[in-house]
Each structure stands twice: as structure tokens, then as C-alpha cells.
Amino acid sequence: MIDDDLKKLIESEPLALATIMPDGKPNVIGIAYVKVVKGNQLLISDNYMNQTVKDIKTNPNVALIVWDKEMNGYKLIGEAVYFSEGQWLDKAKSLSENKGILTKGAILVNLNKIIKSA
């Protein structure tokens, strides 16, 4: 479960999001803003993604990494669902971070494993 300290870290620091391309090769991108929506669910806005969206639609398994300036961090593993309409897209569009930016979609990540770095 995401505790308050991890939530603060996730929502205040950039993250790396890794997916698996259809050819089996890895793909990783930087994410500036992620919101914890409930329990172990993360909401990521799709403002500029291309390959990552294709990857999630083909294989929902994702991993994220987040860390602070002291290099304390977490690996977050889960499954992602892409939404091009509906409540999750509406929520992503309503985020202050997306004001004035075209939000094409929303990614909801259901985390099933959280690993703290040593």
C-alpha cells in the first residue's frame, strides 16, 4: 500500500516509466507528474506519448522508478490501462498540471508490487 511518504515522493518527483514494446524490447520515458488516486492506483496523463501508449495496449505490464535527491527510492511494478475517454481522462484533464496542455488520454496503473531501494 502507498503510505503518505511514498505518495509525497511520487507526487513531487519525476518518475521513469518502463514498458515493453511489441518486439519485446524495453521502452522508458520520463514522467513529470503522477497522482496517487486511491489505494495502489496511479494516474498518469498522456500529453505527448506515442510509443508508450502502443506498448501499454499490447502489454499492460509496467514498472516505474521514483527517487529523491538523497537517492532513496522505490521500484513500482503493476499493470496499466489506457483510457481515451471517460472518468479517468476527465480526471487527468482536470489536474492543475495539465492546464493549457492537450491531454490525449489517461493511464491508470494498478500497482501489485512496491520495492524500496536499499
PDB file of N, CA and C in Angstrom:
ATOM      1  N   MET A   1       0.837  -1.182   0.000  1.00  0.00           N
ATOM      2  CA  MET A   1       0.000   0.000   0.000  1.00  0.00           C
ATOM      3  C   MET A   1       0.884   1.249   0.000  1.00  0.00           C
ATOM      4  N   ILE A   2       0.464   2.258  -0.701  1.00  0.00           N
ATOM      5  CA  ILE A   2       1.199   3.517  -0.769  1.00  0.00           C
ATOM      6  C   ILE A   2       0.930   4.308   0.511  1.00  0.00           C
ATOM      7  N   ASP A   3       1.989   4.549   1.297  1.00  0.00           N
ATOM      8  CA  ASP A   3       1.822   5.345   2.513  1.00  0.00           C
ATOM      9  C   ASP A   3       2.009   6.826   2.173  1.00  0.00           C
ATOM     10  N   ASP A   4       1.837   7.689   3.167  1.00  0.00           N
ATOM     11  CA  ASP A   4       1.900   9.135   2.937  1.00  0.00           C
ATOM     12  C   ASP A   4       3.261   9.593   2.429  1.00  0.00           C
ATOM     13  N   ASP A   5       4.349   9.005   2.946  1.00  0.00           N
ATOM     14  CA  ASP A   5       5.692   9.397   2.499  1.00  0.00           C
ATOM     15  C   ASP A   5       5.925   9.025   1.038  1.00  0.00           C
ATOM     16  N   LEU A   6       5.500   7.824   0.656  1.00  0.00           N
ATOM     17  CA  LEU A   6       5.662   7.409  -0.739  1.00  0.00           C
ATOM     18  C   LEU A   6       4.770   8.248  -1.649  1.00  0.00           C
ATOM     19  N   LYS A   7       3.554   8.540  -1.218  1.00  0.00           N
ATOM     20  CA  LYS A   7       2.653   9.387  -2.012  1.00  0.00           C
ATOM     21  C   LYS A   7       3.301  10.743  -2.269  1.00  0.00           C
ATOM     22  N   LYS A   8       3.876  11.328  -1.223  1.00  0.00           N
ATOM     23  CA  LYS A   8       4.534  12.632  -1.374  1.00  0.00           C
ATOM     24  C   LYS A   8       5.682  12.540  -2.373  1.00  0.00           C
ATOM     25  N   LEU A   9       6.470  11.478  -2.292  1.00  0.00           N
ATOM     26  CA  LEU A   9       7.583  11.284  -3.218  1.00  0.00           C
ATOM     27  C   LEU A   9       7.078  11.140  -4.658  1.00  0.00           C
ATOM     28  N   ILE A  10       6.070  10.294  -4.853  1.00  0.00           N
ATOM     29  CA  ILE A  10       5.511  10.065  -6.190  1.00  0.00           C
ATOM     30  C   ILE A  10       4.973  11.361  -6.787  1.00  0.00           C
ATOM     31  N   GLU A  11       4.292  12.149  -5.976  1.00  0.00           N
ATOM     32  CA  GLU A  11       3.628  13.340  -6.497  1.00  0.00           C
ATOM     33  C   GLU A  11       4.531  14.570  -6.565  1.00  0.00           C
ATOM     34  N   SER A  12       5.772  14.468  -6.044  1.00  0.00           N
ATOM     35  CA  SER A  12       6.641  15.635  -6.064  1.00  0.00           C
ATOM     36  C   SER A  12       7.914  15.461  -6.888  1.00  0.00           C
ATOM     37  N   GLU A  13       8.228  14.241  -7.279  1.00  0.00           N
ATOM     38  CA  GLU A  13       9.464  13.990  -8.033  1.00  0.00           C
ATOM     39  C   GLU A  13       9.145  13.383  -9.403  1.00  0.00           C
ATOM     40  N   PRO A  14      10.003  13.615 -10.394  1.00  0.00           N
ATOM     41  CA  PRO A  14       9.830  12.947 -11.687  1.00  0.00           C
ATOM     42  C   PRO A  14      10.006  11.432 -11.522  1.00  0.00           C
ATOM     43  N   LEU A  15       9.367  10.683 -12.401  1.00  0.00           N
ATOM     44  CA  LEU A  15       9.467   9.228 -12.404  1.00  0.00           C
ATOM     45  C   LEU A  15       9.912   8.754 -13.778  1.00  0.00           C
ATOM     46  N   ALA A  16      10.468   7.559 -13.822  1.00  0.00           N
ATOM     47  CA  ALA A  16      10.742   6.881 -15.089  1.00  0.00           C
ATOM     48  C   ALA A  16       9.693   5.786 -15.235  1.00  0.00           C
ATOM     49  N   LEU A  17       9.084   5.697 -16.415  1.00  0.00           N
ATOM     50  CA  LEU A  17       8.064   4.688 -16.718  1.00  0.00           C
ATOM     51  C   LEU A  17       8.607   3.760 -17.800  1.00  0.00           C
ATOM     52  N   ALA A  18       8.672   2.469 -17.484  1.00  0.00           N
ATOM     53  CA  ALA A  18       9.176   1.482 -18.438  1.00  0.00           C
ATOM     54  C   ALA A  18       8.038   0.597 -18.920  1.00  0.00           C
ATOM     55  N   THR A  19       8.024   0.369 -20.234  1.00  0.00           N
ATOM     56  CA  THR A  19       7.064  -0.532 -20.870  1.00  0.00           C
ATOM     57  C   THR A  19       7.832  -1.519 -21.732  1.00  0.00           C
ATOM     58  N   ILE A  20       7.109  -2.456 -22.310  1.00  0.00           N
ATOM     59  CA  ILE A  20       7.706  -3.434 -23.212  1.00  0.00           C
ATOM     60  C   ILE A  20       7.088  -3.237 -24.593  1.00  0.00           C
ATOM     61  N   MET A  21       7.937  -2.966 -25.578  1.00  0.00           N
ATOM     62  CA  MET A  21       7.451  -2.757 -26.941  1.00  0.00           C
ATOM     63  C   MET A  21       6.981  -4.080 -27.539  1.00  0.00           C
ATOM     64  N   PRO A  22       6.152  -4.020 -28.578  1.00  0.00           N
ATOM     65  CA  PRO A  22       5.644  -5.258 -29.189  1.00  0.00           C
ATOM     66  C   PRO A  22       6.744  -6.219 -29.641  1.00  0.00           C
ATOM     67  N   ASP A  23       7.942  -5.706 -29.948  1.00  0.00           N
ATOM     68  CA  ASP A  23       9.035  -6.593 -30.366  1.00  0.00           C
ATOM     69  C   ASP A  23       9.812  -7.153 -29.173  1.00  0.00           C
ATOM     70  N   GLY A  24       9.340  -6.854 -27.943  1.00  0.00           N
ATOM     71  CA  GLY A  24       9.970  -7.382 -26.741  1.00  0.00           C
ATOM     72  C   GLY A  24      11.071  -6.513 -26.163  1.00  0.00           C
ATOM     73  N   LYS A  25      11.413  -5.430 -26.842  1.00  0.00           N
ATOM     74  CA  LYS A  25      12.466  -4.537 -26.347  1.00  0.00           C
ATOM     75  C   LYS A  25      11.883  -3.542 -25.343  1.00  0.00           C
ATOM     76  N   PRO A  26      12.708  -3.062 -24.422  1.00  0.00           N
ATOM     77  CA  PRO A  26      12.214  -2.118 -23.428  1.00  0.00           C
ATOM     78  C   PRO A  26      12.055  -0.708 -23.993  1.00  0.00           C
ATOM     79  N   ASN A  27      11.167   0.032 -23.383  1.00  0.00           N
ATOM     80  CA  ASN A  27      10.949   1.442 -23.695  1.00  0.00           C
ATOM     81  C   ASN A  27      10.832   2.161 -22.355  1.00  0.00           C
ATOM     82  N   VAL A  28      11.501   3.289 -22.203  1.00  0.00           N
ATOM     83  CA  VAL A  28      11.403   4.047 -20.960  1.00  0.00           C
ATOM     84  C   VAL A  28      11.263   5.530 -21.280  1.00  0.00           C
ATOM     85  N   ILE A  29      10.400   6.204 -20.499  1.00  0.00           N
ATOM     86  CA  ILE A  29      10.211   7.638 -20.667  1.00  0.00           C
ATOM     87  C   ILE A  29      10.185   8.294 -19.285  1.00  0.00           C
ATOM     88  N   GLY A  30      10.439   9.579 -19.263  1.00  0.00           N
ATOM     89  CA  GLY A  30      10.327  10.354 -18.040  1.00  0.00           C
ATOM     90  C   GLY A  30       8.914  10.891 -17.892  1.00  0.00           C
ATOM     91  N   ILE A  31       8.416  10.874 -16.665  1.00  0.00           N
ATOM     92  CA  ILE A  31       7.079  11.382 -16.370  1.00  0.00           C
ATOM     93  C   ILE A  31       7.238  12.491 -15.328  1.00  0.00           C
ATOM     94  N   ALA A  32       6.701  13.668 -15.609  1.00  0.00           N
ATOM     95  CA  ALA A  32       6.844  14.788 -14.683  1.00  0.00           C
ATOM     96  C   ALA A  32       5.813  14.761 -13.562  1.00  0.00           C
ATOM     97  N   TYR A  33       4.579  14.334 -13.870  1.00  0.00           N
ATOM     98  CA  TYR A  33       3.507  14.392 -12.882  1.00  0.00           C
ATOM     99  C   TYR A  33       2.737  13.084 -12.819  1.00  0.00           C
ATOM    100  N   VAL A  34       2.612  12.557 -11.614  1.00  0.00           N
ATOM    101  CA  VAL A  34       1.813  11.359 -11.363  1.00  0.00           C
ATOM    102  C   VAL A  34       0.977  11.642 -10.124  1.00  0.00           C
ATOM    103  N   LYS A  35      -0.268  11.212 -10.143  1.00  0.00           N
ATOM    104  CA  LYS A  35      -1.154  11.376  -8.986  1.00  0.00           C
ATOM    105  C   LYS A  35      -1.522  10.012  -8.432  1.00  0.00           C
ATOM    106  N   VAL A  36      -1.469   9.887  -7.112  1.00  0.00           N
ATOM    107  CA  VAL A  36      -1.998   8.706  -6.439  1.00  0.00           C
ATOM    108  C   VAL A  36      -3.492   8.959  -6.305  1.00  0.00           C
ATOM    109  N   VAL A  37      -4.319   8.084  -6.880  1.00  0.00           N
ATOM    110  CA  VAL A  37      -5.763   8.328  -6.853  1.00  0.00           C
ATOM    111  C   VAL A  37      -6.473   7.563  -5.752  1.00  0.00           C
ATOM    112  N   LYS A  38      -6.037   6.352  -5.460  1.00  0.00           N
ATOM    113  CA  LYS A  38      -6.575   5.619  -4.314  1.00  0.00           C
ATOM    114  C   LYS A  38      -5.807   4.322  -4.158  1.00  0.00           C
ATOM    115  N   GLY A  39      -5.683   3.862  -2.924  1.00  0.00           N
ATOM    116  CA  GLY A  39      -5.001   2.601  -2.685  1.00  0.00           C
ATOM    117  C   GLY A  39      -3.659   2.535  -3.371  1.00  0.00           C
ATOM    118  N   ASN A  40      -3.525   1.593  -4.268  1.00  0.00           N
ATOM    119  CA  ASN A  40      -2.284   1.411  -5.033  1.00  0.00           C
ATOM    120  C   ASN A  40      -2.478   1.788  -6.496  1.00  0.00           C
ATOM    121  N   GLN A  41      -3.286   2.807  -6.755  1.00  0.00           N
ATOM    122  CA  GLN A  41      -3.534   3.236  -8.128  1.00  0.00           C
ATOM    123  C   GLN A  41      -2.879   4.579  -8.407  1.00  0.00           C
ATOM    124  N   LEU A  42      -2.229   4.662  -9.567  1.00  0.00           N
ATOM    125  CA  LEU A  42      -1.588   5.886 -10.021  1.00  0.00           C
ATOM    126  C   LEU A  42      -2.257   6.360 -11.300  1.00  0.00           C
ATOM    127  N   LEU A  43      -2.403   7.667 -11.452  1.00  0.00           N
ATOM    128  CA  LEU A  43      -2.949   8.252 -12.666  1.00  0.00           C
ATOM    129  C   LEU A  43      -1.862   9.056 -13.356  1.00  0.00           C
ATOM    130  N   ILE A  44      -1.625   8.725 -14.628  1.00  0.00           N
ATOM    131  CA  ILE A  44      -0.615   9.400 -15.444  1.00  0.00           C
ATOM    132  C   ILE A  44      -1.315  10.000 -16.653  1.00  0.00           C
ATOM    133  N   SER A  45      -1.041  11.259 -16.930  1.00  0.00           N
ATOM    134  CA  SER A  45      -1.631  11.931 -18.091  1.00  0.00           C
ATOM    135  C   SER A  45      -0.831  11.629 -19.343  1.00  0.00           C
ATOM    136  N   ASP A  46      -1.543  11.423 -20.440  1.00  0.00           N
ATOM    137  CA  ASP A  46      -0.889  11.279 -21.750  1.00  0.00           C
ATOM    138  C   ASP A  46      -1.016  12.602 -22.471  1.00  0.00           C
ATOM    139  N   ASN A  47       0.059  13.373 -22.443  1.00  0.00           N
ATOM    140  CA  ASN A  47       0.086  14.640 -23.164  1.00  0.00           C
ATOM    141  C   ASN A  47       0.919  14.559 -24.432  1.00  0.00           C
ATOM    142  N   TYR A  48       1.965  13.732 -24.406  1.00  0.00           N
ATOM    143  CA  TYR A  48       2.902  13.686 -25.534  1.00  0.00           C
ATOM    144  C   TYR A  48       3.305  12.274 -25.942  1.00  0.00           C
ATOM    145  N   MET A  49       2.707  11.262 -25.357  1.00  0.00           N
ATOM    146  CA  MET A  49       3.157   9.881 -25.578  1.00  0.00           C
ATOM    147  C   MET A  49       2.737   9.343 -26.938  1.00  0.00           C
ATOM    148  N   ASN A  50       3.569   8.472 -27.471  1.00  0.00           N
ATOM    149  CA  ASN A  50       3.249   7.744 -28.704  1.00  0.00           C
ATOM    150  C   ASN A  50       3.545   6.262 -28.500  1.00  0.00           C
ATOM    151  N   GLN A  51       4.832   5.904 -28.466  1.00  0.00           N
ATOM    152  CA  GLN A  51       5.227   4.502 -28.330  1.00  0.00           C
ATOM    153  C   GLN A  51       4.709   3.892 -27.029  1.00  0.00           C
ATOM    154  N   THR A  52       4.749   4.642 -25.955  1.00  0.00           N
ATOM    155  CA  THR A  52       4.318   4.122 -24.652  1.00  0.00           C
ATOM    156  C   THR A  52       2.860   3.678 -24.691  1.00  0.00           C
ATOM    157  N   VAL A  53       2.015   4.445 -25.350  1.00  0.00           N
ATOM    158  CA  VAL A  53       0.587   4.077 -25.461  1.00  0.00           C
ATOM    159  C   VAL A  53       0.443   2.779 -26.238  1.00  0.00           C
ATOM    160  N   LYS A  54       1.163   2.648 -27.338  1.00  0.00           N
ATOM    161  CA  LYS A  54       1.125   1.400 -28.115  1.00  0.00           C
ATOM    162  C   LYS A  54       1.575   0.220 -27.259  1.00  0.00           C
ATOM    163  N   ASP A  55       2.628   0.437 -26.476  1.00  0.00           N
ATOM    164  CA  ASP A  55       3.159  -0.638 -25.636  1.00  0.00           C
ATOM    165  C   ASP A  55       2.124  -1.098 -24.612  1.00  0.00           C
ATOM    166  N   ILE A  56       1.485  -0.159 -23.932  1.00  0.00           N
ATOM    167  CA  ILE A  56       0.504  -0.498 -22.897  1.00  0.00           C
ATOM    168  C   ILE A  56      -0.688  -1.237 -23.494  1.00  0.00           C
ATOM    169  N   LYS A  57      -1.096  -0.838 -24.679  1.00  0.00           N
ATOM    170  CA  LYS A  57      -2.230  -1.513 -25.334  1.00  0.00           C
ATOM    171  C   LYS A  57      -1.874  -2.944 -25.729  1.00  0.00           C
ATOM    172  N   THR A  58      -0.588  -3.214 -25.965  1.00  0.00           N
ATOM    173  CA  THR A  58      -0.120  -4.549 -26.333  1.00  0.00           C
ATOM    174  C   THR A  58       0.228  -5.395 -25.109  1.00  0.00           C
ATOM    175  N   ASN A  59       0.861  -4.763 -24.128  1.00  0.00           N
ATOM    176  CA  ASN A  59       1.310  -5.467 -22.925  1.00  0.00           C
ATOM    177  C   ASN A  59       1.147  -4.507 -21.741  1.00  0.00           C
ATOM    178  N   PRO A  60       0.224  -4.779 -20.829  1.00  0.00           N
ATOM    179  CA  PRO A  60      -0.063  -3.837 -19.746  1.00  0.00           C
ATOM    180  C   PRO A  60       0.969  -3.800 -18.621  1.00  0.00           C
ATOM    181  N   ASN A  61       1.960  -4.671 -18.637  1.00  0.00           N
ATOM    182  CA  ASN A  61       2.955  -4.708 -17.563  1.00  0.00           C
ATOM    183  C   ASN A  61       3.889  -3.510 -17.647  1.00  0.00           C
ATOM    184  N   VAL A  62       3.998  -2.784 -16.528  1.00  0.00           N
ATOM    185  CA  VAL A  62       4.848  -1.588 -16.477  1.00  0.00           C
ATOM    186  C   VAL A  62       5.653  -1.582 -15.182  1.00  0.00           C
ATOM    187  N   ALA A  63       6.706  -0.785 -15.188  1.00  0.00           N
ATOM    188  CA  ALA A  63       7.486  -0.533 -13.980  1.00  0.00           C
ATOM    189  C   ALA A  63       7.800   0.956 -13.943  1.00  0.00           C
ATOM    190  N   LEU A  64       7.776   1.513 -12.748  1.00  0.00           N
ATOM    191  CA  LEU A  64       8.146   2.907 -12.546  1.00  0.00           C
ATOM    192  C   LEU A  64       9.228   2.965 -11.485  1.00  0.00           C
ATOM    193  N   ILE A  65      10.065   3.973 -11.593  1.00  0.00           N
ATOM    194  CA  ILE A  65      11.103   4.226 -10.596  1.00  0.00           C
ATOM    195  C   ILE A  65      10.953   5.680 -10.153  1.00  0.00           C
ATOM    196  N   VAL A  66      11.020   5.897  -8.838  1.00  0.00           N
ATOM    197  CA  VAL A  66      10.998   7.254  -8.296  1.00  0.00           C
ATOM    198  C   VAL A  66      12.036   7.331  -7.185  1.00  0.00           C
ATOM    199  N   TRP A  67      12.712   8.467  -7.077  1.00  0.00           N
ATOM    200  CA  TRP A  67      13.748   8.619  -6.071  1.00  0.00           C
ATOM    201  C   TRP A  67      13.854  10.088  -5.684  1.00  0.00           C
ATOM    202  N   ASP A  68      14.457  10.325  -4.522  1.00  0.00           N
ATOM    203  CA  ASP A  68      14.668  11.691  -4.059  1.00  0.00           C
ATOM    204  C   ASP A  68      16.124  12.104  -4.271  1.00  0.00           C
ATOM    205  N   LYS A  69      16.467  13.306  -3.828  1.00  0.00           N
ATOM    206  CA  LYS A  69      17.823  13.832  -4.037  1.00  0.00           C
ATOM    207  C   LYS A  69      18.895  13.062  -3.273  1.00  0.00           C
ATOM    208  N   GLU A  70      18.489  12.341  -2.236  1.00  0.00           N
ATOM    209  CA  GLU A  70      19.432  11.519  -1.461  1.00  0.00           C
ATOM    210  C   GLU A  70      19.534  10.099  -2.035  1.00  0.00           C
ATOM    211  N   MET A  71      18.898   9.874  -3.182  1.00  0.00           N
ATOM    212  CA  MET A  71      18.894   8.583  -3.887  1.00  0.00           C
ATOM    213  C   MET A  71      18.120   7.492  -3.145  1.00  0.00           C
ATOM    214  N   ASN A  72      17.179   7.892  -2.289  1.00  0.00           N
ATOM    215  CA  ASN A  72      16.255   6.942  -1.682  1.00  0.00           C
ATOM    216  C   ASN A  72      15.089   6.796  -2.651  1.00  0.00           C
ATOM    217  N   GLY A  73      14.737   5.580  -2.964  1.00  0.00           N
ATOM    218  CA  GLY A  73      13.697   5.432  -3.963  1.00  0.00           C
ATOM    219  C   GLY A  73      12.942   4.133  -3.890  1.00  0.00           C
ATOM    220  N   TYR A  74      12.078   3.955  -4.886  1.00  0.00           N
ATOM    221  CA  TYR A  74      11.206   2.791  -4.971  1.00  0.00           C
ATOM    222  C   TYR A  74      11.067   2.349  -6.422  1.00  0.00           C
ATOM    223  N   LYS A  75      10.940   1.050  -6.591  1.00  0.00           N
ATOM    224  CA  LYS A  75      10.526   0.475  -7.871  1.00  0.00           C
ATOM    225  C   LYS A  75       9.062   0.088  -7.686  1.00  0.00           C
ATOM    226  N   LEU A  76       8.216   0.515  -8.603  1.00  0.00           N
ATOM    227  CA  LEU A  76       6.784   0.270  -8.547  1.00  0.00           C
ATOM    228  C   LEU A  76       6.401  -0.579  -9.758  1.00  0.00           C
ATOM    229  N   ILE A  77       5.829  -1.742  -9.529  1.00  0.00           N
ATOM    230  CA  ILE A  77       5.505  -2.671 -10.605  1.00  0.00           C
ATOM    231  C   ILE A  77       3.995  -2.877 -10.646  1.00  0.00           C
ATOM    232  N   GLY A  78       3.431  -2.858 -11.846  1.00  0.00           N
ATOM    233  CA  GLY A  78       1.986  -3.034 -11.939  1.00  0.00           C
ATOM    234  C   GLY A  78       1.515  -3.231 -13.361  1.00  0.00           C
ATOM    235  N   GLU A  79       0.201  -3.084 -13.506  1.00  0.00           N
ATOM    236  CA  GLU A  79      -0.447  -3.210 -14.807  1.00  0.00           C
ATOM    237  C   GLU A  79      -1.162  -1.911 -15.127  1.00  0.00           C
ATOM    238  N   ALA A  80      -1.051  -1.495 -16.385  1.00  0.00           N
ATOM    239  CA  ALA A  80      -1.606  -0.223 -16.826  1.00  0.00           C
ATOM    240  C   ALA A  80      -2.775  -0.433 -17.776  1.00  0.00           C
ATOM    241  N   VAL A  81      -3.719   0.484 -17.691  1.00  0.00           N
ATOM    242  CA  VAL A  81      -4.852   0.521 -18.618  1.00  0.00           C
ATOM    243  C   VAL A  81      -4.889   1.930 -19.197  1.00  0.00           C
ATOM    244  N   TYR A  82      -5.068   2.013 -20.524  1.00  0.00           N
ATOM    245  CA  TYR A  82      -5.116   3.305 -21.199  1.00  0.00           C
ATOM    246  C   TYR A  82      -6.568   3.702 -21.445  1.00  0.00           C
ATOM    247  N   PHE A  83      -6.887   4.967 -21.161  1.00  0.00           N
ATOM    248  CA  PHE A  83      -8.235   5.489 -21.369  1.00  0.00           C
ATOM    249  C   PHE A  83      -8.180   6.694 -22.301  1.00  0.00           C
ATOM    250  N   SER A  84      -8.926   6.624 -23.405  1.00  0.00           N
ATOM    251  CA  SER A  84      -9.015   7.751 -24.325  1.00  0.00           C
ATOM    252  C   SER A  84     -10.339   8.496 -24.163  1.00  0.00           C
ATOM    253  N   GLU A  85     -11.152   8.049 -23.193  1.00  0.00           N
ATOM    254  CA  GLU A  85     -12.405   8.723 -22.858  1.00  0.00           C
ATOM    255  C   GLU A  85     -12.845   8.259 -21.468  1.00  0.00           C
ATOM    256  N   GLY A  86     -13.835   8.930 -20.920  1.00  0.00           N
ATOM    257  CA  GLY A  86     -14.397   8.503 -19.643  1.00  0.00           C
ATOM    258  C   GLY A  86     -13.844   9.230 -18.436  1.00  0.00           C
ATOM    259  N   GLN A  87     -14.167   8.693 -17.249  1.00  0.00           N
ATOM    260  CA  GLN A  87     -13.855   9.372 -15.991  1.00  0.00           C
ATOM    261  C   GLN A  87     -12.367   9.585 -15.742  1.00  0.00           C
ATOM    262  N   TRP A  88     -11.523   8.641 -16.134  1.00  0.00           N
ATOM    263  CA  TRP A  88     -10.089   8.806 -15.867  1.00  0.00           C
ATOM    264  C   TRP A  88      -9.486   9.884 -16.763  1.00  0.00           C
ATOM    265  N   LEU A  89      -9.926   9.957 -18.010  1.00  0.00           N
ATOM    266  CA  LEU A  89      -9.454  11.037 -18.879  1.00  0.00           C
ATOM    267  C   LEU A  89      -9.955  12.376 -18.346  1.00  0.00           C
ATOM    268  N   ASP A  90     -11.221  12.427 -17.927  1.00  0.00           N
ATOM    269  CA  ASP A  90     -11.764  13.667 -17.365  1.00  0.00           C
ATOM    270  C   ASP A  90     -10.963  14.112 -16.147  1.00  0.00           C
ATOM    271  N   LYS A  91     -10.614  13.161 -15.286  1.00  0.00           N
ATOM    272  CA  LYS A  91      -9.824  13.485 -14.086  1.00  0.00           C
ATOM    273  C   LYS A  91      -8.449  14.014 -14.482  1.00  0.00           C
ATOM    274  N   ALA A  92      -7.801  13.341 -15.447  1.00  0.00           N
ATOM    275  CA  ALA A  92      -6.478  13.796 -15.899  1.00  0.00           C
ATOM    276  C   ALA A  92      -6.557  15.213 -16.472  1.00  0.00           C
ATOM    277  N   LYS A  93      -7.576  15.473 -17.263  1.00  0.00           N
ATOM    278  CA  LYS A  93      -7.737  16.806 -17.855  1.00  0.00           C
ATOM    279  C   LYS A  93      -7.954  17.869 -16.790  1.00  0.00           C
ATOM    280  N   SER A  94      -8.555  17.492 -15.651  1.00  0.00           N
ATOM    281  CA  SER A  94      -8.868  18.465 -14.601  1.00  0.00           C
ATOM    282  C   SER A  94      -7.675  18.793 -13.705  1.00  0.00           C
ATOM    283  N   LEU A  95      -6.574  18.063 -13.820  1.00  0.00           N
ATOM    284  CA  LEU A  95      -5.408  18.305 -12.972  1.00  0.00           C
ATOM    285  C   LEU A  95      -4.782  19.661 -13.309  1.00  0.00           C
ATOM    286  N   SER A  96      -4.389  20.390 -12.281  1.00  0.00           N
ATOM    287  CA  SER A  96      -3.809  21.714 -12.500  1.00  0.00           C
ATOM    288  C   SER A  96      -2.550  21.646 -13.368  1.00  0.00           C
ATOM    289  N   GLU A  97      -1.802  20.548 -13.268  1.00  0.00           N
ATOM    290  CA  GLU A  97      -0.583  20.384 -14.068  1.00  0.00           C
ATOM    291  C   GLU A  97      -0.878  20.340 -15.569  1.00  0.00           C
ATOM    292  N   ASN A  98      -2.096  20.010 -15.935  1.00  0.00           N
ATOM    293  CA  ASN A  98      -2.455  19.898 -17.350  1.00  0.00           C
ATOM    294  C   ASN A  98      -3.140  21.145 -17.907  1.00  0.00           C
ATOM    295  N   LYS A  99      -3.247  22.191 -17.098  1.00  0.00           N
ATOM    296  CA  LYS A  99      -3.905  23.416 -17.556  1.00  0.00           C
ATOM    297  C   LYS A  99      -3.185  23.972 -18.778  1.00  0.00           C
ATOM    298  N   GLY A 100      -3.922  24.154 -19.847  1.00  0.00           N
ATOM    299  CA  GLY A 100      -3.361  24.697 -21.078  1.00  0.00           C
ATOM    300  C   GLY A 100      -2.624  23.690 -21.942  1.00  0.00           C
ATOM    301  N   ILE A 101      -2.651  22.417 -21.560  1.00  0.00           N
ATOM    302  CA  ILE A 101      -1.957  21.365 -22.311  1.00  0.00           C
ATOM    303  C   ILE A 101      -2.993  20.373 -22.839  1.00  0.00           C
ATOM    304  N   LEU A 102      -2.855  19.952 -24.074  1.00  0.00           N
ATOM    305  CA  LEU A 102      -3.747  18.931 -24.626  1.00  0.00           C
ATOM    306  C   LEU A 102      -3.481  17.606 -23.927  1.00  0.00           C
ATOM    307  N   THR A 103      -4.484  17.081 -23.261  1.00  0.00           N
ATOM    308  CA  THR A 103      -4.384  15.783 -22.604  1.00  0.00           C
ATOM    309  C   THR A 103      -5.131  14.783 -23.472  1.00  0.00           C
ATOM    310  N   LYS A 104      -4.383  13.914 -24.163  1.00  0.00           N
ATOM    311  CA  LYS A 104      -4.952  12.972 -25.130  1.00  0.00           C
ATOM    312  C   LYS A 104      -5.564  11.750 -24.476  1.00  0.00           C
ATOM    313  N   GLY A 105      -5.046  11.379 -23.304  1.00  0.00           N
ATOM    314  CA  GLY A 105      -5.511  10.165 -22.654  1.00  0.00           C
ATOM    315  C   GLY A 105      -5.035  10.112 -21.223  1.00  0.00           C
ATOM    316  N   ALA A 106      -5.416   9.025 -20.551  1.00  0.00           N
ATOM    317  CA  ALA A 106      -5.010   8.812 -19.170  1.00  0.00           C
ATOM    318  C   ALA A 106      -4.598   7.360 -19.004  1.00  0.00           C
ATOM    319  N   ILE A 107      -3.595   7.148 -18.173  1.00  0.00           N
ATOM    320  CA  ILE A 107      -3.117   5.804 -17.863  1.00  0.00           C
ATOM    321  C   ILE A 107      -3.356   5.561 -16.381  1.00  0.00           C
ATOM    322  N   LEU A 108      -4.089   4.515 -16.087  1.00  0.00           N
ATOM    323  CA  LEU A 108      -4.314   4.108 -14.704  1.00  0.00           C
ATOM    324  C   LEU A 108      -3.443   2.891 -14.447  1.00  0.00           C
ATOM    325  N   VAL A 109      -2.540   3.009 -13.469  1.00  0.00           N
ATOM    326  CA  VAL A 109      -1.635   1.913 -13.121  1.00  0.00           C
ATOM    327  C   VAL A 109      -2.091   1.329 -11.790  1.00  0.00           C
ATOM    328  N   ASN A 110      -2.367   0.040 -11.793  1.00  0.00           N
ATOM    329  CA  ASN A 110      -2.683  -0.697 -10.582  1.00  0.00           C
ATOM    330  C   ASN A 110      -1.410  -1.399 -10.133  1.00  0.00           C
ATOM    331  N   LEU A 111      -0.823  -0.895  -9.041  1.00  0.00           N
ATOM    332  CA  LEU A 111       0.431  -1.459  -8.557  1.00  0.00           C
ATOM    333  C   LEU A 111       0.181  -2.771  -7.833  1.00  0.00           C
ATOM    334  N   ASN A 112       1.043  -3.758  -8.103  1.00  0.00           N
ATOM    335  CA  ASN A 112       0.951  -5.026  -7.389  1.00  0.00           C
ATOM    336  C   ASN A 112       2.226  -5.337  -6.615  1.00  0.00           C
ATOM    337  N   LYS A 113       3.247  -4.457  -6.773  1.00  0.00           N
ATOM    338  CA  LYS A 113       4.483  -4.671  -6.025  1.00  0.00           C
ATOM    339  C   LYS A 113       5.197  -3.330  -5.849  1.00  0.00           C
ATOM    340  N   ILE A 114       5.639  -3.084  -4.615  1.00  0.00           N
ATOM    341  CA  ILE A 114       6.399  -1.868  -4.293  1.00  0.00           C
ATOM    342  C   ILE A 114       7.695  -2.330  -3.620  1.00  0.00           C
ATOM    343  N   ILE A 115       8.826  -1.950  -4.209  1.00  0.00           N
ATOM    344  CA  ILE A 115      10.121  -2.387  -3.693  1.00  0.00           C
ATOM    345  C   ILE A 115      10.935  -1.149  -3.309  1.00  0.00           C
ATOM    346  N   LYS A 116      11.287  -1.042  -2.036  1.00  0.00           N
ATOM    347  CA  LYS A 116      12.109   0.074  -1.553  1.00  0.00           C
ATOM    348  C   LYS A 116      13.570  -0.217  -1.870  1.00  0.00           C
ATOM    349  N   SER A 117      14.266   0.822  -2.343  1.00  0.00           N
ATOM    350  CA  SER A 117      15.687   0.645  -2.639  1.00  0.00           C
ATOM    351  C   SER A 117      16.472   0.508  -1.341  1.00  0.00           C
ATOM    352  N   ALA A 118      17.588  -0.157  -1.443  1.00  0.00           N
ATOM    353  CA  ALA A 118      18.422  -0.403  -0.240  1.00  0.00           C
ATOM    354  C   ALA A 118      19.226   0.812   0.126  1.00  0.00           C
TER     355      ALA A 118
END
